[in-house]
């Protein structure tokens, strides 16, 4: 039997961005169990600033339809409610981003310059990769930057809890430009700033795209140890 340390390392290693899901429904009791575990995430002064809108069934269909309609409209998507990515990518972050992108495209057969293929993959993001559960993460816009740290802890906790129950997730910023459609479809209070979406369900083990394993930097790359 694994000890706690081994179990945690295994769950951390198994957590990945899943981009193809089975149509199998997630039992409501299991979904509730995952969210209950995620709620144990730390937050400053126990403020617990995260809000989650969970869309399944008809609500999920309504959400996807609203996003698709905003996407196909003549006007461009609204600006993000917050700057997630920088306008100019410095190194080494640009190289890491490009490496992952080309590795993903190679897996699904999208060649350099294939704009239609790249767009088709992007559009799968807007369908939550056909996951049966679509989650929308938001935070009260009156709170400060610390709330974003807390929400990040919650999202990681949710992803790990899903893995521990045999499910998979993909944390998605791609839906952020469509916050107007998301807000209307799920009747989200304007005070809530929409952060991102999360696809949740059972991974399609046979899908080639789910073979992607992003590399991680060595500890010596990102950690500085001070001994004096």
Protein backbone atom coordinates (compact mmCIF):
# COMPACT_ATOMS: atom_id res chain seq x y z
CA UNK A 1 0.00 0.00 0.00
CA UNK A 2 1.34 3.38 -0.98
CA UNK A 3 2.21 5.80 1.78
CA UNK A 4 0.85 9.34 1.72
CA UNK A 5 3.93 10.81 0.05
CA UNK A 6 3.84 8.30 -2.81
CA UNK A 7 0.10 8.77 -3.28
CA UNK A 8 0.41 12.54 -3.52
CA UNK A 9 3.30 12.31 -5.99
CA UNK A 10 1.29 9.86 -8.12
CA UNK A 11 -1.77 12.12 -8.22
CA UNK A 12 0.39 15.15 -9.07
CA UNK A 13 2.05 13.22 -11.90
CA UNK A 14 -1.28 11.97 -13.26
CA UNK A 15 -2.81 15.45 -13.39
CA UNK A 16 -2.59 16.77 -16.92
CA UNK A 17 -4.54 18.82 -19.45
CA UNK A 18 -6.97 16.35 -21.03
CA UNK A 19 -8.27 17.39 -24.44
CA UNK A 20 -10.55 14.49 -25.39
CA UNK A 21 -13.31 13.10 -23.19
CA UNK A 22 -15.74 10.21 -23.31
CA UNK A 23 -19.46 10.93 -23.42
CA UNK A 24 -19.91 9.08 -20.13
CA UNK A 25 -21.78 11.17 -17.58
CA UNK A 26 -20.29 12.05 -14.21
CA UNK A 27 -22.58 10.94 -11.37
CA UNK A 28 -23.83 13.99 -9.42
CA UNK A 29 -22.71 12.49 -6.10
CA UNK A 30 -19.18 12.01 -7.44
CA UNK A 31 -19.07 15.57 -8.76
CA UNK A 32 -20.21 16.83 -5.37
CA UNK A 33 -17.48 14.78 -3.69
CA UNK A 34 -14.80 16.31 -5.92
CA UNK A 35 -15.99 19.85 -5.26
CA UNK A 36 -16.17 19.19 -1.54
CA UNK A 37 -12.53 18.07 -1.58
CA UNK A 38 -11.53 21.12 -3.64
CA UNK A 39 -13.17 23.40 -1.08
CA UNK A 40 -10.40 22.42 1.36
CA UNK A 41 -7.97 24.61 -0.62
CA UNK A 42 -6.24 27.35 1.39
CA UNK A 43 -7.25 31.00 1.13
CA UNK A 44 -6.18 34.20 2.85
CA UNK A 45 -8.11 34.64 6.12
CA UNK A 46 -10.36 31.78 4.97
CA UNK A 47 -12.13 34.12 2.54
CA UNK A 48 -12.75 31.26 0.05
CA UNK A 49 -13.23 33.73 -2.82
CA UNK A 50 -13.91 31.19 -5.57
CA UNK A 51 -17.31 30.80 -7.22
CA UNK A 52 -18.07 27.91 -9.54
CA UNK A 53 -20.90 27.59 -12.06
CA UNK A 54 -21.40 23.94 -12.99
CA UNK A 55 -23.10 23.24 -16.33
CA UNK A 56 -24.32 19.79 -17.35
CA UNK A 57 -27.15 18.55 -19.54
CA UNK A 58 -29.34 21.28 -21.01
CA UNK A 59 -27.39 24.03 -19.23
CA UNK A 60 -24.18 22.77 -20.81
CA UNK A 61 -25.79 22.79 -24.27
CA UNK A 62 -27.05 26.33 -23.68
CA UNK A 63 -23.57 27.46 -22.62
CA UNK A 64 -21.84 25.94 -25.66
CA UNK A 65 -24.47 27.40 -27.97
CA UNK A 66 -24.04 30.88 -26.50
CA UNK A 67 -20.26 30.74 -26.94
CA UNK A 68 -20.63 29.50 -30.52
CA UNK A 69 -23.02 32.33 -31.36
CA UNK A 70 -20.68 34.98 -29.95
CA UNK A 71 -17.80 33.40 -31.84
CA UNK A 72 -19.65 33.48 -35.15
CA UNK A 73 -20.87 37.06 -34.72
CA UNK A 74 -19.40 39.69 -36.99
CA UNK A 75 -17.99 41.67 -34.09
CA UNK A 76 -14.82 40.41 -32.39
CA UNK A 77 -14.95 38.83 -28.91
CA UNK A 78 -14.97 41.20 -25.99
CA UNK A 79 -11.68 42.05 -24.35
CA UNK A 80 -10.61 39.84 -21.49
CA UNK A 81 -11.80 40.88 -18.08
CA UNK A 82 -8.20 40.67 -16.92
CA UNK A 83 -4.81 40.31 -18.71
CA UNK A 84 -3.97 36.60 -18.55
CA UNK A 85 -1.10 36.59 -21.05
CA UNK A 86 1.51 39.33 -21.64
CA UNK A 87 1.45 41.39 -24.82
CA UNK A 88 5.08 40.44 -25.48
CA UNK A 89 6.47 37.08 -24.34
CA UNK A 90 10.00 37.25 -22.86
CA UNK A 91 12.32 34.27 -22.79
CA UNK A 92 12.40 31.53 -21.63
CA UNK A 93 8.60 31.59 -21.51
CA UNK A 94 8.17 32.16 -25.24
CA UNK A 95 10.28 29.12 -26.12
CA UNK A 96 8.46 26.90 -23.64
CA UNK A 97 5.10 28.01 -25.01
CA UNK A 98 6.12 27.39 -28.61
CA UNK A 99 7.61 23.99 -27.81
CA UNK A 100 4.40 22.80 -26.20
CA UNK A 101 2.30 24.16 -29.06
CA UNK A 102 4.26 22.38 -31.76
CA UNK A 103 4.37 19.17 -29.76
CA UNK A 104 0.58 19.26 -29.48
CA UNK A 105 0.11 20.06 -33.17
CA UNK A 106 2.46 17.25 -34.18
CA UNK A 107 0.33 14.80 -32.21
CA UNK A 108 -2.87 15.78 -34.00
CA UNK A 109 -1.31 16.24 -37.44
CA UNK A 110 -1.51 20.03 -37.76
CA UNK A 111 1.39 21.22 -39.90
CA UNK A 112 3.10 24.60 -39.71
CA UNK A 113 1.04 27.15 -41.60
CA UNK A 114 -2.16 25.09 -41.37
CA UNK A 115 -4.37 27.85 -40.06
CA UNK A 116 -7.58 25.88 -40.59
CA UNK A 117 -6.24 22.94 -38.58
CA UNK A 118 -5.07 25.23 -35.78
CA UNK A 119 -8.46 26.99 -35.73
CA UNK A 120 -10.30 23.67 -35.60
CA UNK A 121 -8.29 22.67 -32.54
CA UNK A 122 -8.89 26.07 -30.92
CA UNK A 123 -12.63 25.66 -31.45
CA UNK A 124 -12.55 22.41 -29.49
CA UNK A 125 -11.49 24.55 -26.53
CA UNK A 126 -14.72 26.47 -26.87
CA UNK A 127 -16.65 23.20 -26.67
CA UNK A 128 -14.75 22.19 -23.53
CA UNK A 129 -13.38 19.30 -25.61
CA UNK A 130 -16.87 17.75 -25.39
CA UNK A 131 -16.47 17.05 -21.67
CA UNK A 132 -19.82 16.28 -20.00
CA UNK A 133 -19.21 18.83 -17.24
CA UNK A 134 -18.34 22.46 -17.95
CA UNK A 135 -17.15 24.53 -15.02
CA UNK A 136 -16.88 28.31 -15.00
CA UNK A 137 -14.56 29.81 -12.37
CA UNK A 138 -15.17 33.38 -11.26
CA UNK A 139 -14.19 35.72 -8.44
CA UNK A 140 -15.78 38.81 -6.93
CA UNK A 141 -14.19 41.70 -8.84
CA UNK A 142 -14.14 43.84 -5.69
CA UNK A 143 -11.41 41.66 -4.21
CA UNK A 144 -7.69 42.22 -4.62
CA UNK A 145 -4.92 40.25 -6.31
CA UNK A 146 -4.63 37.82 -3.39
CA UNK A 147 -7.98 36.34 -4.38
CA UNK A 148 -6.45 35.14 -7.66
CA UNK A 149 -3.82 33.19 -5.73
CA UNK A 150 -6.57 31.59 -3.66
CA UNK A 151 -8.59 30.72 -6.76
CA UNK A 152 -5.50 29.12 -8.30
CA UNK A 153 -5.11 26.93 -5.21
CA UNK A 154 -8.77 25.94 -5.51
CA UNK A 155 -8.42 25.02 -9.17
CA UNK A 156 -5.36 22.85 -8.55
CA UNK A 157 -7.16 21.18 -5.66
CA UNK A 158 -10.14 20.48 -7.90
CA UNK A 159 -7.95 19.01 -10.63
CA UNK A 160 -6.15 16.73 -8.16
CA UNK A 161 -9.40 15.66 -6.53
CA UNK A 162 -10.72 14.73 -9.98
CA UNK A 163 -7.65 12.58 -10.68
CA UNK A 164 -8.07 10.81 -7.34
CA UNK A 165 -11.60 9.83 -8.41
CA UNK A 166 -10.59 8.57 -11.85
CA UNK A 167 -11.61 11.69 -13.76
CA UNK A 168 -9.69 14.25 -15.80
CA UNK A 169 -9.72 18.01 -16.32
CA UNK A 170 -8.47 20.75 -18.57
CA UNK A 171 -8.09 24.26 -17.16
CA UNK A 172 -9.02 26.61 -19.99
CA UNK A 173 -8.36 30.30 -20.50
CA UNK A 174 -9.68 30.06 -24.07
CA UNK A 175 -13.24 30.83 -23.02
CA UNK A 176 -12.25 34.07 -21.28
CA UNK A 177 -12.88 36.32 -24.33
CA UNK A 178 -16.44 34.99 -24.44
CA UNK A 179 -17.33 36.06 -20.91
CA UNK A 180 -20.40 37.95 -22.13
CA UNK A 181 -21.90 34.80 -23.63
CA UNK A 182 -20.94 32.73 -20.60
CA UNK A 183 -22.44 35.28 -18.23
CA UNK A 184 -25.72 35.42 -20.16
CA UNK A 185 -26.06 31.65 -20.56
CA UNK A 186 -25.57 30.89 -16.87
CA UNK A 187 -26.99 34.12 -15.43
CA UNK A 188 -23.75 35.00 -13.65
CA UNK A 189 -23.84 38.12 -11.47
CA UNK A 190 -21.95 41.08 -13.04
CA UNK A 191 -19.93 41.47 -9.84
CA UNK A 192 -18.26 38.16 -10.67
CA UNK A 193 -15.16 38.38 -12.86
CA UNK A 194 -14.97 35.28 -15.08
CA UNK A 195 -11.51 33.76 -14.74
CA UNK A 196 -11.56 30.62 -16.87
CA UNK A 197 -13.35 27.39 -17.65
CA UNK A 198 -12.61 23.82 -16.60
CA UNK A 199 -13.57 20.77 -18.64
CA UNK A 200 -14.24 17.75 -16.44
CA UNK A 201 -15.10 14.17 -17.26
CA UNK A 202 -13.66 10.76 -18.10
CA UNK A 203 -10.60 10.89 -20.34
CA UNK A 204 -10.69 9.18 -23.73
CA UNK A 205 -7.63 6.96 -23.31
CA UNK A 206 -7.61 6.14 -27.02
CA UNK A 207 -7.38 9.75 -28.21
CA UNK A 208 -3.92 10.58 -29.56
CA UNK A 209 -4.03 14.12 -28.21
CA UNK A 210 -4.21 12.78 -24.66
CA UNK A 211 -0.75 11.26 -25.10
CA UNK A 212 0.76 14.74 -24.73
CA UNK A 213 3.05 15.06 -21.71
CA UNK A 214 4.49 18.52 -21.22
CA UNK A 215 8.04 18.69 -19.91
CA UNK A 216 8.91 20.25 -16.58
CA UNK A 217 12.02 22.20 -15.71
CA UNK A 218 14.51 20.81 -13.22
CA UNK A 219 14.31 22.17 -9.68
CA UNK A 220 17.68 23.85 -10.19
CA UNK A 221 16.11 25.95 -12.96
CA UNK A 222 13.46 27.65 -10.85
CA UNK A 223 14.63 27.32 -7.23
CA UNK A 224 17.38 29.25 -5.47
CA UNK A 225 18.58 27.83 -2.19
CA UNK A 226 19.98 30.26 0.40
CA UNK A 227 22.04 28.69 3.16
CA UNK A 228 23.67 31.69 4.87
